[in-house]
Amino acid sequence: MPFIDIIDYLPELQPQFERINKAWVQQYFTLEPFDIAQLENPQENILDKGGHIIFAKEHDQILGTVALIPSQEPNTFEMIKMGVSPEGQGRGIGSLLGKVILEKAKSLGAEKVVLYSNTKLAPALHLYKKLGFQEVDMGCSQYGRCNVKMEISL
């Protein structure tokens, strides 16, 4: 695999964040109002709330992204908006992004990271399990498309 740089969010990368995530959400689901808010204005809806966004970059091309937002639970972050563009898939980029964002969560003081997903996204669920996430009781979720909740202790 050619060298992949992991870089932090910059305002000029917002269109890439939106492009990568809208593609997979619209392929399998319908964009929900929270998706549009987060994707069109990540500064206000993710970063200003204590979140973090990273990207996988190869040369000048952004191939993937993932974000964290603080959860309602203490010392917990939620991993959101993980996506890898088609040209980056199958190259270990999702795994790399997952490992780096979990390290970032730990550096921010998180003791646990949760995520919400859907059984339609079998490759993503497989990746999350490889990263160490375990399925837990769904409880009540604010996301209409989600039917799986996973978490990992850091």
C-alpha atoms as a PDB file:
ATOM      1  CA  MET A   1       0.000   0.000   0.000  1.00  0.00           C
ATOM      2  CA  PRO A   2       1.460   3.417  -0.916  1.00  0.00           C
ATOM      3  CA  PHE A   3       2.018   5.712   2.030  1.00  0.00           C
ATOM      4  CA  ILE A   4      -1.238   7.036   3.473  1.00  0.00           C
ATOM      5  CA  ASP A   5      -1.080  10.262   5.490  1.00  0.00           C
ATOM      6  CA  ILE A   6      -3.586  10.779   8.282  1.00  0.00           C
ATOM      7  CA  ILE A   7      -4.410  14.461   8.564  1.00  0.00           C
ATOM      8  CA  ASP A   8      -6.698  16.539  10.755  1.00  0.00           C
ATOM      9  CA  TYR A   9      -9.704  18.436   9.487  1.00  0.00           C
ATOM     10  CA  LEU A  10      -9.090  21.685   7.666  1.00  0.00           C
ATOM     11  CA  PRO A  11     -11.973  23.907   6.471  1.00  0.00           C
ATOM     12  CA  GLU A  12     -11.000  23.332   2.833  1.00  0.00           C
ATOM     13  CA  LEU A  13     -11.593  19.572   3.353  1.00  0.00           C
ATOM     14  CA  GLN A  14     -15.288  20.002   4.208  1.00  0.00           C
ATOM     15  CA  PRO A  15     -16.371  19.162   0.624  1.00  0.00           C
ATOM     16  CA  GLN A  16     -14.394  15.883   0.831  1.00  0.00           C
ATOM     17  CA  PHE A  17     -15.992  15.024   4.191  1.00  0.00           C
ATOM     18  CA  GLU A  18     -19.405  15.659   2.653  1.00  0.00           C
ATOM     19  CA  ARG A  19     -18.652  13.817  -0.618  1.00  0.00           C
ATOM     20  CA  ILE A  20     -17.334  10.620   0.965  1.00  0.00           C
ATOM     21  CA  ASN A  21     -20.099  10.328   3.543  1.00  0.00           C
ATOM     22  CA  LYS A  22     -23.024  11.329   1.348  1.00  0.00           C
ATOM     23  CA  ALA A  23     -21.986   8.659  -1.157  1.00  0.00           C
ATOM     24  CA  TRP A  24     -22.274   5.715   1.255  1.00  0.00           C
ATOM     25  CA  VAL A  25     -25.287   7.043   3.167  1.00  0.00           C
ATOM     26  CA  GLN A  26     -27.240   7.631  -0.037  1.00  0.00           C
ATOM     27  CA  GLN A  27     -26.176   4.261  -1.455  1.00  0.00           C
ATOM     28  CA  TYR A  28     -27.807   2.379   1.439  1.00  0.00           C
ATOM     29  CA  PHE A  29     -30.126   4.823   3.214  1.00  0.00           C
ATOM     30  CA  THR A  30     -31.627   8.295   3.104  1.00  0.00           C
ATOM     31  CA  LEU A  31     -29.841  11.322   4.480  1.00  0.00           C
ATOM     32  CA  GLU A  32     -31.351  12.373   7.810  1.00  0.00           C
ATOM     33  CA  PRO A  33     -31.388  16.005   9.045  1.00  0.00           C
ATOM     34  CA  PHE A  34     -28.484  15.336  11.447  1.00  0.00           C
ATOM     35  CA  ASP A  35     -26.420  13.959   8.514  1.00  0.00           C
ATOM     36  CA  ILE A  36     -26.935  17.093   6.475  1.00  0.00           C
ATOM     37  CA  ALA A  37     -26.060  19.350   9.429  1.00  0.00           C
ATOM     38  CA  GLN A  38     -22.889  17.408  10.262  1.00  0.00           C
ATOM     39  CA  LEU A  39     -21.738  17.062   6.655  1.00  0.00           C
ATOM     40  CA  GLU A  40     -22.488  20.589   5.488  1.00  0.00           C
ATOM     41  CA  ASN A  41     -21.232  22.301   8.646  1.00  0.00           C
ATOM     42  CA  PRO A  42     -18.823  20.010  10.514  1.00  0.00           C
ATOM     43  CA  GLN A  43     -17.169  22.954  12.271  1.00  0.00           C
ATOM     44  CA  GLU A  44     -20.359  23.879  14.134  1.00  0.00           C
ATOM     45  CA  ASN A  45     -21.903  20.411  14.458  1.00  0.00           C
ATOM     46  CA  ILE A  46     -18.824  18.289  15.275  1.00  0.00           C
ATOM     47  CA  LEU A  47     -15.672  20.281  16.038  1.00  0.00           C
ATOM     48  CA  ASP A  48     -17.201  23.090  18.107  1.00  0.00           C
ATOM     49  CA  LYS A  49     -18.926  20.429  20.237  1.00  0.00           C
ATOM     50  CA  GLY A  50     -15.590  18.895  21.232  1.00  0.00           C
ATOM     51  CA  GLY A  51     -15.351  16.471  18.321  1.00  0.00           C
ATOM     52  CA  HIS A  52     -12.553  15.611  15.951  1.00  0.00           C
ATOM     53  CA  ILE A  53     -12.307  14.683  12.247  1.00  0.00           C
ATOM     54  CA  ILE A  54      -9.441  12.966  10.440  1.00  0.00           C
ATOM     55  CA  PHE A  55      -8.774  12.055   6.828  1.00  0.00           C
ATOM     56  CA  ALA A  56      -6.721   9.465   4.960  1.00  0.00           C
ATOM     57  CA  LYS A  57      -4.772  11.132   2.167  1.00  0.00           C
ATOM     58  CA  GLU A  58      -2.676   9.579  -0.590  1.00  0.00           C
ATOM     59  CA  HIS A  59      -0.681  12.154  -2.556  1.00  0.00           C
ATOM     60  CA  ASP A  60      -3.307  14.885  -3.128  1.00  0.00           C
ATOM     61  CA  GLN A  61      -6.330  12.583  -2.935  1.00  0.00           C
ATOM     62  CA  ILE A  62      -8.593  12.226   0.117  1.00  0.00           C
ATOM     63  CA  LEU A  63      -9.608   8.551   0.300  1.00  0.00           C
ATOM     64  CA  GLY A  64     -11.393   8.293   3.633  1.00  0.00           C
ATOM     65  CA  THR A  65     -12.561  10.017   6.773  1.00  0.00           C
ATOM     66  CA  VAL A  66     -13.929   9.405  10.260  1.00  0.00           C
ATOM     67  CA  ALA A  67     -15.049  11.599  13.135  1.00  0.00           C
ATOM     68  CA  LEU A  68     -15.623  11.557  16.888  1.00  0.00           C
ATOM     69  CA  ILE A  69     -18.207  13.451  18.902  1.00  0.00           C
ATOM     70  CA  PRO A  70     -18.639  13.497  22.667  1.00  0.00           C
ATOM     71  CA  SER A  71     -21.404  11.155  23.816  1.00  0.00           C
ATOM     72  CA  GLN A  72     -24.054  11.808  26.458  1.00  0.00           C
ATOM     73  CA  GLU A  73     -22.284   9.175  28.563  1.00  0.00           C
ATOM     74  CA  PRO A  74     -19.369  10.456  30.647  1.00  0.00           C
ATOM     75  CA  ASN A  75     -15.825   9.785  29.318  1.00  0.00           C
ATOM     76  CA  THR A  76     -17.342   8.410  26.122  1.00  0.00           C
ATOM     77  CA  PHE A  77     -17.094   9.448  22.492  1.00  0.00           C
ATOM     78  CA  GLU A  78     -19.150   8.282  19.534  1.00  0.00           C
ATOM     79  CA  MET A  79     -17.373   7.326  16.317  1.00  0.00           C
ATOM     80  CA  ILE A  80     -19.331   8.773  13.398  1.00  0.00           C
ATOM     81  CA  LYS A  81     -19.107   9.375   9.680  1.00  0.00           C
ATOM     82  CA  MET A  82     -16.569   6.722   8.748  1.00  0.00           C
ATOM     83  CA  GLY A  83     -16.320   6.366   5.010  1.00  0.00           C
ATOM     84  CA  VAL A  84     -13.778   5.292   2.424  1.00  0.00           C
ATOM     85  CA  SER A  85     -14.168   6.258  -1.222  1.00  0.00           C
ATOM     86  CA  PRO A  86     -14.467   3.400  -3.739  1.00  0.00           C
ATOM     87  CA  GLU A  87     -10.897   3.909  -4.990  1.00  0.00           C
ATOM     88  CA  GLY A  88      -9.619   3.481  -1.431  1.00  0.00           C
ATOM     89  CA  GLN A  89     -11.665   0.455  -0.426  1.00  0.00           C
ATOM     90  CA  GLY A  90     -10.004  -2.902   0.187  1.00  0.00           C
ATOM     91  CA  ARG A  91      -6.661  -1.286   0.999  1.00  0.00           C
ATOM     92  CA  GLY A  92      -6.785  -1.192   4.802  1.00  0.00           C
ATOM     93  CA  ILE A  93      -7.646   2.496   4.936  1.00  0.00           C
ATOM     94  CA  GLY A  94     -10.758   1.986   7.082  1.00  0.00           C
ATOM     95  CA  SER A  95      -8.725  -0.015   9.571  1.00  0.00           C
ATOM     96  CA  LEU A  96      -6.017   2.654   9.678  1.00  0.00           C
ATOM     97  CA  LEU A  97      -8.593   5.415  10.222  1.00  0.00           C
ATOM     98  CA  GLY A  98     -10.262   3.367  12.966  1.00  0.00           C
ATOM     99  CA  LYS A  99      -7.007   2.776  14.835  1.00  0.00           C
ATOM    100  CA  VAL A 100      -5.976   6.425  14.646  1.00  0.00           C
ATOM    101  CA  ILE A 101      -9.378   7.766  15.743  1.00  0.00           C
ATOM    102  CA  LEU A 102      -9.454   5.367  18.713  1.00  0.00           C
ATOM    103  CA  GLU A 103      -6.019   6.648  19.760  1.00  0.00           C
ATOM    104  CA  LYS A 104      -7.349  10.191  19.416  1.00  0.00           C
ATOM    105  CA  ALA A 105     -10.333   9.331  21.632  1.00  0.00           C
ATOM    106  CA  LYS A 106      -7.968   7.928  24.248  1.00  0.00           C
ATOM    107  CA  SER A 107      -5.841  11.094  24.115  1.00  0.00           C
ATOM    108  CA  LEU A 108      -9.011  13.139  24.699  1.00  0.00           C
ATOM    109  CA  GLY A 109      -9.707  11.198  27.888  1.00  0.00           C
ATOM    110  CA  ALA A 110     -12.262   8.735  26.576  1.00  0.00           C
ATOM    111  CA  GLU A 111     -12.656   5.467  28.426  1.00  0.00           C
ATOM    112  CA  LYS A 112     -15.107   4.125  25.872  1.00  0.00           C
ATOM    113  CA  VAL A 113     -16.107   4.686  22.238  1.00  0.00           C
ATOM    114  CA  VAL A 114     -19.525   3.740  20.902  1.00  0.00           C
ATOM    115  CA  LEU A 115     -20.868   3.575  17.374  1.00  0.00           C
ATOM    116  CA  TYR A 116     -24.193   2.951  15.711  1.00  0.00           C
ATOM    117  CA  SER A 117     -24.486   1.054  12.451  1.00  0.00           C
ATOM    118  CA  ASN A 118     -26.753  -1.198  10.435  1.00  0.00           C
ATOM    119  CA  THR A 119     -26.643  -4.880   9.512  1.00  0.00           C
ATOM    120  CA  LYS A 120     -26.730  -3.828   5.813  1.00  0.00           C
ATOM    121  CA  LEU A 121     -23.148  -2.640   6.272  1.00  0.00           C
ATOM    122  CA  ALA A 122     -21.535  -6.058   6.779  1.00  0.00           C
ATOM    123  CA  PRO A 123     -17.992  -4.999   5.741  1.00  0.00           C
ATOM    124  CA  ALA A 124     -18.123  -2.084   8.199  1.00  0.00           C
ATOM    125  CA  LEU A 125     -19.359  -4.334  11.020  1.00  0.00           C
ATOM    126  CA  HIS A 126     -16.534  -6.770  10.275  1.00  0.00           C
ATOM    127  CA  LEU A 127     -14.020  -3.911  10.445  1.00  0.00           C
ATOM    128  CA  TYR A 128     -15.413  -2.682  13.764  1.00  0.00           C
ATOM    129  CA  LYS A 129     -15.096  -6.166  15.258  1.00  0.00           C
ATOM    130  CA  LYS A 130     -11.480  -6.391  14.024  1.00  0.00           C
ATOM    131  CA  LEU A 131     -10.822  -3.071  15.792  1.00  0.00           C
ATOM    132  CA  GLY A 132     -12.160  -4.586  19.024  1.00  0.00           C
ATOM    133  CA  PHE A 133     -15.709  -3.250  19.128  1.00  0.00           C
ATOM    134  CA  GLN A 134     -18.346  -5.549  20.600  1.00  0.00           C
ATOM    135  CA  GLU A 135     -22.054  -5.486  19.953  1.00  0.00           C
ATOM    136  CA  VAL A 136     -24.135  -4.261  22.898  1.00  0.00           C
ATOM    137  CA  ASP A 137     -27.827  -3.723  23.578  1.00  0.00           C
ATOM    138  CA  MET A 138     -29.176  -1.110  21.181  1.00  0.00           C
ATOM    139  CA  GLY A 139     -31.101   0.803  23.818  1.00  0.00           C
ATOM    140  CA  CYS A 140     -32.752   3.942  22.509  1.00  0.00           C
ATOM    141  CA  SER A 141     -31.058   5.537  19.513  1.00  0.00           C
ATOM    142  CA  GLN A 142     -31.700   8.891  17.879  1.00  0.00           C
ATOM    143  CA  TYR A 143     -30.787   7.397  14.488  1.00  0.00           C
ATOM    144  CA  GLY A 144     -33.562   6.041  12.299  1.00  0.00           C
ATOM    145  CA  ARG A 145     -31.350   3.818  10.141  1.00  0.00           C
ATOM    146  CA  CYS A 146     -29.376   2.146  12.943  1.00  0.00           C
ATOM    147  CA  ASN A 147     -30.096  -1.340  14.255  1.00  0.00           C
ATOM    148  CA  VAL A 148     -26.670  -2.153  15.760  1.00  0.00           C
ATOM    149  CA  LYS A 149     -24.775  -0.504  18.619  1.00  0.00           C
ATOM    150  CA  MET A 150     -21.173  -1.396  19.346  1.00  0.00           C
ATOM    151  CA  GLU A 151     -18.650  -0.207  21.901  1.00  0.00           C
ATOM    152  CA  ILE A 152     -15.024  -0.593  22.861  1.00  0.00           C
ATOM    153  CA  SER A 153     -13.333   0.119  26.181  1.00  0.00           C
ATOM    154  CA  LEU A 154     -10.052   1.978  25.845  1.00  0.00           C
END
